[in-house]
Amino acid sequence: MNNLSGDPKILLELITTQMPFGKYKGWLICNLPEFYLVWFKQKGFPKGKLGILLETMMEIRINGLEELLIPLKEKIKTTKKPR
């Protein structure tokens, strides 16, 4: 992960940002399948924020750190306002 800023807000973005294109368009970055993230690693991550998010999620997955996201997901569920 050579281009990560170390910004803790990135974890929140992983659980709130949707994939903007492709087969998994509309999926939250945190829910993308591992093979899809590995494919991006092999082909090259997109430039910018999306690439940082995808690369971060891949590192979380391959290192078995998904539990880091659980408290954030629970907090998001409890703070969402009903429509």
PDB file of N, CA and C in Angstrom:
ATOM      1  N   MET A   1       0.848  -1.166   0.000  1.00  0.00           N
ATOM      2  CA  MET A   1       0.000   0.000   0.000  1.00  0.00           C
ATOM      3  C   MET A   1       0.892   1.227   0.000  1.00  0.00           C
ATOM      4  N   ASN A   2       1.276   1.626  -1.151  1.00  0.00           N
ATOM      5  CA  ASN A   2       2.277   2.671  -1.252  1.00  0.00           C
ATOM      6  C   ASN A   2       1.717   4.080  -1.286  1.00  0.00           C
ATOM      7  N   ASN A   3       0.400   4.250  -1.456  1.00  0.00           N
ATOM      8  CA  ASN A   3      -0.116   5.602  -1.608  1.00  0.00           C
ATOM      9  C   ASN A   3      -1.173   5.958  -0.569  1.00  0.00           C
ATOM     10  N   LEU A   4      -1.188   5.259   0.548  1.00  0.00           N
ATOM     11  CA  LEU A   4      -2.204   5.543   1.550  1.00  0.00           C
ATOM     12  C   LEU A   4      -1.776   6.696   2.434  1.00  0.00           C
ATOM     13  N   SER A   5      -2.745   7.490   2.816  1.00  0.00           N
ATOM     14  CA  SER A   5      -2.444   8.682   3.594  1.00  0.00           C
ATOM     15  C   SER A   5      -2.433   8.425   5.090  1.00  0.00           C
ATOM     16  N   GLY A   6      -2.933   7.293   5.548  1.00  0.00           N
ATOM     17  CA  GLY A   6      -3.024   7.035   6.968  1.00  0.00           C
ATOM     18  C   GLY A   6      -4.210   7.729   7.615  1.00  0.00           C
ATOM     19  N   ASP A   7      -5.136   8.219   6.833  1.00  0.00           N
ATOM     20  CA  ASP A   7      -6.315   8.918   7.313  1.00  0.00           C
ATOM     21  C   ASP A   7      -7.314   7.910   7.883  1.00  0.00           C
ATOM     22  N   PRO A   8      -7.655   8.012   9.178  1.00  0.00           N
ATOM     23  CA  PRO A   8      -8.601   7.058   9.755  1.00  0.00           C
ATOM     24  C   PRO A   8     -10.003   7.154   9.159  1.00  0.00           C
ATOM     25  N   LYS A   9     -10.326   8.268   8.527  1.00  0.00           N
ATOM     26  CA  LYS A   9     -11.639   8.414   7.894  1.00  0.00           C
ATOM     27  C   LYS A   9     -11.815   7.442   6.732  1.00  0.00           C
ATOM     28  N   ILE A  10     -10.711   6.901   6.248  1.00  0.00           N
ATOM     29  CA  ILE A  10     -10.791   5.996   5.108  1.00  0.00           C
ATOM     30  C   ILE A  10     -11.587   4.742   5.457  1.00  0.00           C
ATOM     31  N   LEU A  11     -11.516   4.296   6.716  1.00  0.00           N
ATOM     32  CA  LEU A  11     -12.292   3.124   7.121  1.00  0.00           C
ATOM     33  C   LEU A  11     -13.786   3.405   7.001  1.00  0.00           C
ATOM     34  N   LEU A  12     -14.197   4.592   7.377  1.00  0.00           N
ATOM     35  CA  LEU A  12     -15.597   4.980   7.240  1.00  0.00           C
ATOM     36  C   LEU A  12     -16.003   5.017   5.767  1.00  0.00           C
ATOM     37  N   GLU A  13     -15.113   5.501   4.935  1.00  0.00           N
ATOM     38  CA  GLU A  13     -15.407   5.565   3.504  1.00  0.00           C
ATOM     39  C   GLU A  13     -15.550   4.172   2.895  1.00  0.00           C
ATOM     40  N   LEU A  14     -14.822   3.196   3.426  1.00  0.00           N
ATOM     41  CA  LEU A  14     -14.931   1.824   2.914  1.00  0.00           C
ATOM     42  C   LEU A  14     -16.328   1.258   3.107  1.00  0.00           C
ATOM     43  N   ILE A  15     -17.012   1.680   4.164  1.00  0.00           N
ATOM     44  CA  ILE A  15     -18.335   1.123   4.439  1.00  0.00           C
ATOM     45  C   ILE A  15     -19.476   2.006   3.936  1.00  0.00           C
ATOM     46  N   THR A  16     -19.135   3.152   3.337  1.00  0.00           N
ATOM     47  CA  THR A  16     -20.178   4.048   2.830  1.00  0.00           C
ATOM     48  C   THR A  16     -20.071   4.347   1.335  1.00  0.00           C
ATOM     49  N   THR A  17     -18.944   4.037   0.728  1.00  0.00           N
ATOM     50  CA  THR A  17     -18.720   4.355  -0.686  1.00  0.00           C
ATOM     51  C   THR A  17     -19.111   3.177  -1.563  1.00  0.00           C
ATOM     52  N   GLN A  18     -19.872   3.472  -2.615  1.00  0.00           N
ATOM     53  CA  GLN A  18     -20.281   2.437  -3.562  1.00  0.00           C
ATOM     54  C   GLN A  18     -19.323   2.375  -4.741  1.00  0.00           C
ATOM     55  N   MET A  19     -19.174   1.168  -5.269  1.00  0.00           N
ATOM     56  CA  MET A  19     -18.386   0.975  -6.487  1.00  0.00           C
ATOM     57  C   MET A  19     -19.118   1.696  -7.620  1.00  0.00           C
ATOM     58  N   PRO A  20     -18.446   2.607  -8.328  1.00  0.00           N
ATOM     59  CA  PRO A  20     -19.145   3.434  -9.315  1.00  0.00           C
ATOM     60  C   PRO A  20     -19.316   2.808 -10.702  1.00  0.00           C
ATOM     61  N   PHE A  21     -18.706   1.652 -10.960  1.00  0.00           N
ATOM     62  CA  PHE A  21     -18.786   1.078 -12.305  1.00  0.00           C
ATOM     63  C   PHE A  21     -18.567  -0.427 -12.253  1.00  0.00           C
ATOM     64  N   GLY A  22     -18.788  -1.065 -13.396  1.00  0.00           N
ATOM     65  CA  GLY A  22     -18.463  -2.480 -13.549  1.00  0.00           C
ATOM     66  C   GLY A  22     -19.517  -3.431 -13.018  1.00  0.00           C
ATOM     67  N   LYS A  23     -19.140  -4.690 -12.967  1.00  0.00           N
ATOM     68  CA  LYS A  23     -20.031  -5.771 -12.546  1.00  0.00           C
ATOM     69  C   LYS A  23     -20.592  -5.527 -11.146  1.00  0.00           C
ATOM     70  N   TYR A  24     -19.820  -4.891 -10.295  1.00  0.00           N
ATOM     71  CA  TYR A  24     -20.227  -4.669  -8.910  1.00  0.00           C
ATOM     72  C   TYR A  24     -20.638  -3.217  -8.643  1.00  0.00           C
ATOM     73  N   LYS A  25     -21.088  -2.534  -9.690  1.00  0.00           N
ATOM     74  CA  LYS A  25     -21.569  -1.158  -9.546  1.00  0.00           C
ATOM     75  C   LYS A  25     -22.674  -1.123  -8.486  1.00  0.00           C
ATOM     76  N   GLY A  26     -22.552  -0.176  -7.564  1.00  0.00           N
ATOM     77  CA  GLY A  26     -23.548  -0.027  -6.513  1.00  0.00           C
ATOM     78  C   GLY A  26     -23.226  -0.794  -5.233  1.00  0.00           C
ATOM     79  N   TRP A  27     -22.273  -1.706  -5.298  1.00  0.00           N
ATOM     80  CA  TRP A  27     -21.863  -2.446  -4.099  1.00  0.00           C
ATOM     81  C   TRP A  27     -20.988  -1.543  -3.242  1.00  0.00           C
ATOM     82  N   LEU A  28     -21.116  -1.681  -1.926  1.00  0.00           N
ATOM     83  CA  LEU A  28     -20.208  -0.978  -1.033  1.00  0.00           C
ATOM     84  C   LEU A  28     -18.811  -1.560  -1.197  1.00  0.00           C
ATOM     85  N   ILE A  29     -17.805  -0.720  -1.119  1.00  0.00           N
ATOM     86  CA  ILE A  29     -16.418  -1.173  -1.277  1.00  0.00           C
ATOM     87  C   ILE A  29     -16.108  -2.304  -0.291  1.00  0.00           C
ATOM     88  N   CYS A  30     -16.610  -2.196   0.927  1.00  0.00           N
ATOM     89  CA  CYS A  30     -16.326  -3.219   1.943  1.00  0.00           C
ATOM     90  C   CYS A  30     -16.953  -4.567   1.616  1.00  0.00           C
ATOM     91  N   ASN A  31     -17.911  -4.609   0.709  1.00  0.00           N
ATOM     92  CA  ASN A  31     -18.587  -5.861   0.364  1.00  0.00           C
ATOM     93  C   ASN A  31     -18.095  -6.482  -0.940  1.00  0.00           C
ATOM     94  N   LEU A  32     -17.150  -5.858  -1.598  1.00  0.00           N
ATOM     95  CA  LEU A  32     -16.641  -6.408  -2.855  1.00  0.00           C
ATOM     96  C   LEU A  32     -15.925  -7.727  -2.602  1.00  0.00           C
ATOM     97  N   PRO A  33     -16.086  -8.703  -3.512  1.00  0.00           N
ATOM     98  CA  PRO A  33     -15.403  -9.989  -3.334  1.00  0.00           C
ATOM     99  C   PRO A  33     -13.880  -9.834  -3.410  1.00  0.00           C
ATOM    100  N   GLU A  34     -13.196 -10.670  -2.664  1.00  0.00           N
ATOM    101  CA  GLU A  34     -11.735 -10.598  -2.618  1.00  0.00           C
ATOM    102  C   GLU A  34     -11.115 -10.798  -3.995  1.00  0.00           C
ATOM    103  N   PHE A  35     -11.660 -11.735  -4.788  1.00  0.00           N
ATOM    104  CA  PHE A  35     -11.072 -11.987  -6.109  1.00  0.00           C
ATOM    105  C   PHE A  35     -11.134 -10.748  -6.995  1.00  0.00           C
ATOM    106  N   TYR A  36     -12.166  -9.929  -6.821  1.00  0.00           N
ATOM    107  CA  TYR A  36     -12.299  -8.697  -7.597  1.00  0.00           C
ATOM    108  C   TYR A  36     -11.214  -7.696  -7.192  1.00  0.00           C
ATOM    109  N   LEU A  37     -10.941  -7.614  -5.908  1.00  0.00           N
ATOM    110  CA  LEU A  37      -9.885  -6.727  -5.411  1.00  0.00           C
ATOM    111  C   LEU A  37      -8.513  -7.194  -5.881  1.00  0.00           C
ATOM    112  N   VAL A  38      -8.300  -8.509  -5.862  1.00  0.00           N
ATOM    113  CA  VAL A  38      -7.028  -9.068  -6.340  1.00  0.00           C
ATOM    114  C   VAL A  38      -6.871  -8.792  -7.832  1.00  0.00           C
ATOM    115  N   TRP A  39      -7.964  -8.900  -8.580  1.00  0.00           N
ATOM    116  CA  TRP A  39      -7.923  -8.614 -10.016  1.00  0.00           C
ATOM    117  C   TRP A  39      -7.454  -7.178 -10.253  1.00  0.00           C
ATOM    118  N   PHE A  40      -8.003  -6.237  -9.481  1.00  0.00           N
ATOM    119  CA  PHE A  40      -7.568  -4.844  -9.608  1.00  0.00           C
ATOM    120  C   PHE A  40      -6.089  -4.702  -9.284  1.00  0.00           C
ATOM    121  N   LYS A  41      -5.624  -5.431  -8.281  1.00  0.00           N
ATOM    122  CA  LYS A  41      -4.203  -5.351  -7.932  1.00  0.00           C
ATOM    123  C   LYS A  41      -3.351  -5.805  -9.111  1.00  0.00           C
ATOM    124  N   GLN A  42      -3.773  -6.864  -9.780  1.00  0.00           N
ATOM    125  CA  GLN A  42      -3.018  -7.389 -10.917  1.00  0.00           C
ATOM    126  C   GLN A  42      -3.082  -6.457 -12.121  1.00  0.00           C
ATOM    127  N   LYS A  43      -4.232  -5.866 -12.358  1.00  0.00           N
ATOM    128  CA  LYS A  43      -4.425  -5.002 -13.529  1.00  0.00           C
ATOM    129  C   LYS A  43      -4.027  -3.555 -13.275  1.00  0.00           C
ATOM    130  N   GLY A  44      -4.021  -3.175 -12.007  1.00  0.00           N
ATOM    131  CA  GLY A  44      -3.724  -1.791 -11.634  1.00  0.00           C
ATOM    132  C   GLY A  44      -4.954  -1.124 -11.045  1.00  0.00           C
ATOM    133  N   PHE A  45      -4.793  -0.581  -9.861  1.00  0.00           N
ATOM    134  CA  PHE A  45      -5.903   0.108  -9.210  1.00  0.00           C
ATOM    135  C   PHE A  45      -6.180   1.414  -9.941  1.00  0.00           C
ATOM    136  N   PRO A  46      -7.449   1.853  -9.947  1.00  0.00           N
ATOM    137  CA  PRO A  46      -7.760   3.156 -10.541  1.00  0.00           C
ATOM    138  C   PRO A  46      -7.006   4.264  -9.803  1.00  0.00           C
ATOM    139  N   LYS A  47      -6.831   5.359 -10.463  1.00  0.00           N
ATOM    140  CA  LYS A  47      -6.180   6.528  -9.858  1.00  0.00           C
ATOM    141  C   LYS A  47      -7.134   7.177  -8.859  1.00  0.00           C
ATOM    142  N   GLY A  48      -6.577   7.912  -7.955  1.00  0.00           N
ATOM    143  CA  GLY A  48      -7.378   8.717  -7.044  1.00  0.00           C
ATOM    144  C   GLY A  48      -7.944   7.968  -5.854  1.00  0.00           C
ATOM    145  N   LYS A  49      -8.991   8.557  -5.295  1.00  0.00           N
ATOM    146  CA  LYS A  49      -9.601   8.059  -4.060  1.00  0.00           C
ATOM    147  C   LYS A  49     -10.120   6.633  -4.204  1.00  0.00           C
ATOM    148  N   LEU A  50     -10.748   6.322  -5.330  1.00  0.00           N
ATOM    149  CA  LEU A  50     -11.277   4.974  -5.525  1.00  0.00           C
ATOM    150  C   LEU A  50     -10.168   3.935  -5.454  1.00  0.00           C
ATOM    151  N   GLY A  51      -9.060   4.202  -6.086  1.00  0.00           N
ATOM    152  CA  GLY A  51      -7.937   3.275  -6.045  1.00  0.00           C
ATOM    153  C   GLY A  51      -7.414   3.075  -4.634  1.00  0.00           C
ATOM    154  N   ILE A  52      -7.361   4.147  -3.873  1.00  0.00           N
ATOM    155  CA  ILE A  52      -6.913   4.055  -2.480  1.00  0.00           C
ATOM    156  C   ILE A  52      -7.879   3.186  -1.677  1.00  0.00           C
ATOM    157  N   LEU A  53      -9.172   3.402  -1.886  1.00  0.00           N
ATOM    158  CA  LEU A  53     -10.167   2.608  -1.164  1.00  0.00           C
ATOM    159  C   LEU A  53     -10.083   1.129  -1.531  1.00  0.00           C
ATOM    160  N   LEU A  54      -9.972   0.837  -2.813  1.00  0.00           N
ATOM    161  CA  LEU A  54      -9.889  -0.559  -3.251  1.00  0.00           C
ATOM    162  C   LEU A  54      -8.627  -1.232  -2.717  1.00  0.00           C
ATOM    163  N   GLU A  55      -7.524  -0.534  -2.781  1.00  0.00           N
ATOM    164  CA  GLU A  55      -6.263  -1.097  -2.295  1.00  0.00           C
ATOM    165  C   GLU A  55      -6.311  -1.319  -0.783  1.00  0.00           C
ATOM    166  N   THR A  56      -6.891  -0.380  -0.071  1.00  0.00           N
ATOM    167  CA  THR A  56      -7.021  -0.525   1.377  1.00  0.00           C
ATOM    168  C   THR A  56      -7.900  -1.713   1.726  1.00  0.00           C
ATOM    169  N   MET A  57      -9.031  -1.854   1.023  1.00  0.00           N
ATOM    170  CA  MET A  57      -9.933  -2.970   1.300  1.00  0.00           C
ATOM    171  C   MET A  57      -9.266  -4.294   0.992  1.00  0.00           C
ATOM    172  N   MET A  58      -8.484  -4.349  -0.061  1.00  0.00           N
ATOM    173  CA  MET A  58      -7.779  -5.583  -0.387  1.00  0.00           C
ATOM    174  C   MET A  58      -6.813  -5.952   0.734  1.00  0.00           C
ATOM    175  N   GLU A  59      -6.068  -4.986   1.233  1.00  0.00           N
ATOM    176  CA  GLU A  59      -5.120  -5.250   2.318  1.00  0.00           C
ATOM    177  C   GLU A  59      -5.843  -5.714   3.583  1.00  0.00           C
ATOM    178  N   ILE A  60      -6.972  -5.099   3.873  1.00  0.00           N
ATOM    179  CA  ILE A  60      -7.766  -5.517   5.031  1.00  0.00           C
ATOM    180  C   ILE A  60      -8.197  -6.970   4.863  1.00  0.00           C
ATOM    181  N   ARG A  61      -8.698  -7.311   3.680  1.00  0.00           N
ATOM    182  CA  ARG A  61      -9.159  -8.679   3.411  1.00  0.00           C
ATOM    183  C   ARG A  61      -8.042  -9.700   3.506  1.00  0.00           C
ATOM    184  N   ILE A  62      -6.942  -9.462   2.797  1.00  0.00           N
ATOM    185  CA  ILE A  62      -5.908 -10.496   2.741  1.00  0.00           C
ATOM    186  C   ILE A  62      -5.183 -10.658   4.077  1.00  0.00           C
ATOM    187  N   ASN A  63      -5.299  -9.658   4.940  1.00  0.00           N
ATOM    188  CA  ASN A  63      -4.692  -9.761   6.265  1.00  0.00           C
ATOM    189  C   ASN A  63      -5.701 -10.140   7.352  1.00  0.00           C
ATOM    190  N   GLY A  64      -6.932 -10.451   6.937  1.00  0.00           N
ATOM    191  CA  GLY A  64      -7.945 -10.902   7.881  1.00  0.00           C
ATOM    192  C   GLY A  64      -8.356  -9.859   8.906  1.00  0.00           C
ATOM    193  N   LEU A  65      -8.434  -8.614   8.484  1.00  0.00           N
ATOM    194  CA  LEU A  65      -8.730  -7.520   9.411  1.00  0.00           C
ATOM    195  C   LEU A  65     -10.139  -6.948   9.251  1.00  0.00           C
ATOM    196  N   GLU A  66     -11.053  -7.723   8.663  1.00  0.00           N
ATOM    197  CA  GLU A  66     -12.412  -7.230   8.441  1.00  0.00           C
ATOM    198  C   GLU A  66     -13.099  -6.804   9.732  1.00  0.00           C
ATOM    199  N   GLU A  67     -12.682  -7.381  10.857  1.00  0.00           N
ATOM    200  CA  GLU A  67     -13.287  -7.037  12.146  1.00  0.00           C
ATOM    201  C   GLU A  67     -13.124  -5.555  12.482  1.00  0.00           C
ATOM    202  N   LEU A  68     -12.137  -4.908  11.891  1.00  0.00           N
ATOM    203  CA  LEU A  68     -11.963  -3.469  12.106  1.00  0.00           C
ATOM    204  C   LEU A  68     -13.188  -2.677  11.660  1.00  0.00           C
ATOM    205  N   LEU A  69     -13.906  -3.203  10.690  1.00  0.00           N
ATOM    206  CA  LEU A  69     -15.033  -2.476  10.114  1.00  0.00           C
ATOM    207  C   LEU A  69     -16.343  -2.711  10.863  1.00  0.00           C
ATOM    208  N   ILE A  70     -16.427  -3.773  11.653  1.00  0.00           N
ATOM    209  CA  ILE A  70     -17.684  -4.132  12.318  1.00  0.00           C
ATOM    210  C   ILE A  70     -18.210  -3.015  13.218  1.00  0.00           C
ATOM    211  N   PRO A  71     -17.403  -2.451  14.123  1.00  0.00           N
ATOM    212  CA  PRO A  71     -17.938  -1.373  14.971  1.00  0.00           C
ATOM    213  C   PRO A  71     -18.420  -0.168  14.160  1.00  0.00           C
ATOM    214  N   LEU A  72     -17.731   0.133  13.085  1.00  0.00           N
ATOM    215  CA  LEU A  72     -18.153   1.259  12.241  1.00  0.00           C
ATOM    216  C   LEU A  72     -19.477   0.960  11.549  1.00  0.00           C
ATOM    217  N   LYS A  73     -19.631  -0.268  11.055  1.00  0.00           N
ATOM    218  CA  LYS A  73     -20.891  -0.653  10.409  1.00  0.00           C
ATOM    219  C   LYS A  73     -22.045  -0.554  11.397  1.00  0.00           C
ATOM    220  N   GLU A  74     -21.820  -1.018  12.622  1.00  0.00           N
ATOM    221  CA  GLU A  74     -22.871  -0.956  13.642  1.00  0.00           C
ATOM    222  C   GLU A  74     -23.207   0.489  13.992  1.00  0.00           C
ATOM    223  N   LYS A  75     -22.198   1.330  14.071  1.00  0.00           N
ATOM    224  CA  LYS A  75     -22.434   2.741  14.387  1.00  0.00           C
ATOM    225  C   LYS A  75     -23.231   3.413  13.275  1.00  0.00           C
ATOM    226  N   ILE A  76     -22.903   3.111  12.039  1.00  0.00           N
ATOM    227  CA  ILE A  76     -23.625   3.687  10.899  1.00  0.00           C
ATOM    228  C   ILE A  76     -25.095   3.278  10.945  1.00  0.00           C
ATOM    229  N   LYS A  77     -25.357   2.003  11.258  1.00  0.00           N
ATOM    230  CA  LYS A  77     -26.743   1.517  11.334  1.00  0.00           C
ATOM    231  C   LYS A  77     -27.534   2.270  12.391  1.00  0.00           C
ATOM    232  N   THR A  78     -26.921   2.554  13.523  1.00  0.00           N
ATOM    233  CA  THR A  78     -27.647   3.197  14.616  1.00  0.00           C
ATOM    234  C   THR A  78     -27.779   4.704  14.438  1.00  0.00           C
ATOM    235  N   THR A  79     -26.960   5.301  13.588  1.00  0.00           N
ATOM    236  CA  THR A  79     -27.035   6.753  13.412  1.00  0.00           C
ATOM    237  C   THR A  79     -27.815   7.170  12.174  1.00  0.00           C
ATOM    238  N   LYS A  80     -28.203   6.210  11.341  1.00  0.00           N
ATOM    239  CA  LYS A  80     -28.990   6.567  10.157  1.00  0.00           C
ATOM    240  C   LYS A  80     -30.380   7.019  10.582  1.00  0.00           C
ATOM    241  N   LYS A  81     -30.826   8.103   9.990  1.00  0.00           N
ATOM    242  CA  LYS A  81     -32.156   8.615  10.282  1.00  0.00           C
ATOM    243  C   LYS A  81     -33.162   7.941   9.362  1.00  0.00           C
ATOM    244  N   PRO A  82     -34.341   7.593   9.894  1.00  0.00           N
ATOM    245  CA  PRO A  82     -35.365   7.007   9.021  1.00  0.00           C
ATOM    246  C   PRO A  82     -35.850   8.031   8.007  1.00  0.00           C
ATOM    247  N   ARG A  83     -36.218   7.564   6.849  1.00  0.00           N
ATOM    248  CA  ARG A  83     -36.698   8.468   5.784  1.00  0.00           C
ATOM    249  C   ARG A  83     -38.164   8.724   5.909  1.00  0.00           C
TER     250      ARG A  83
END
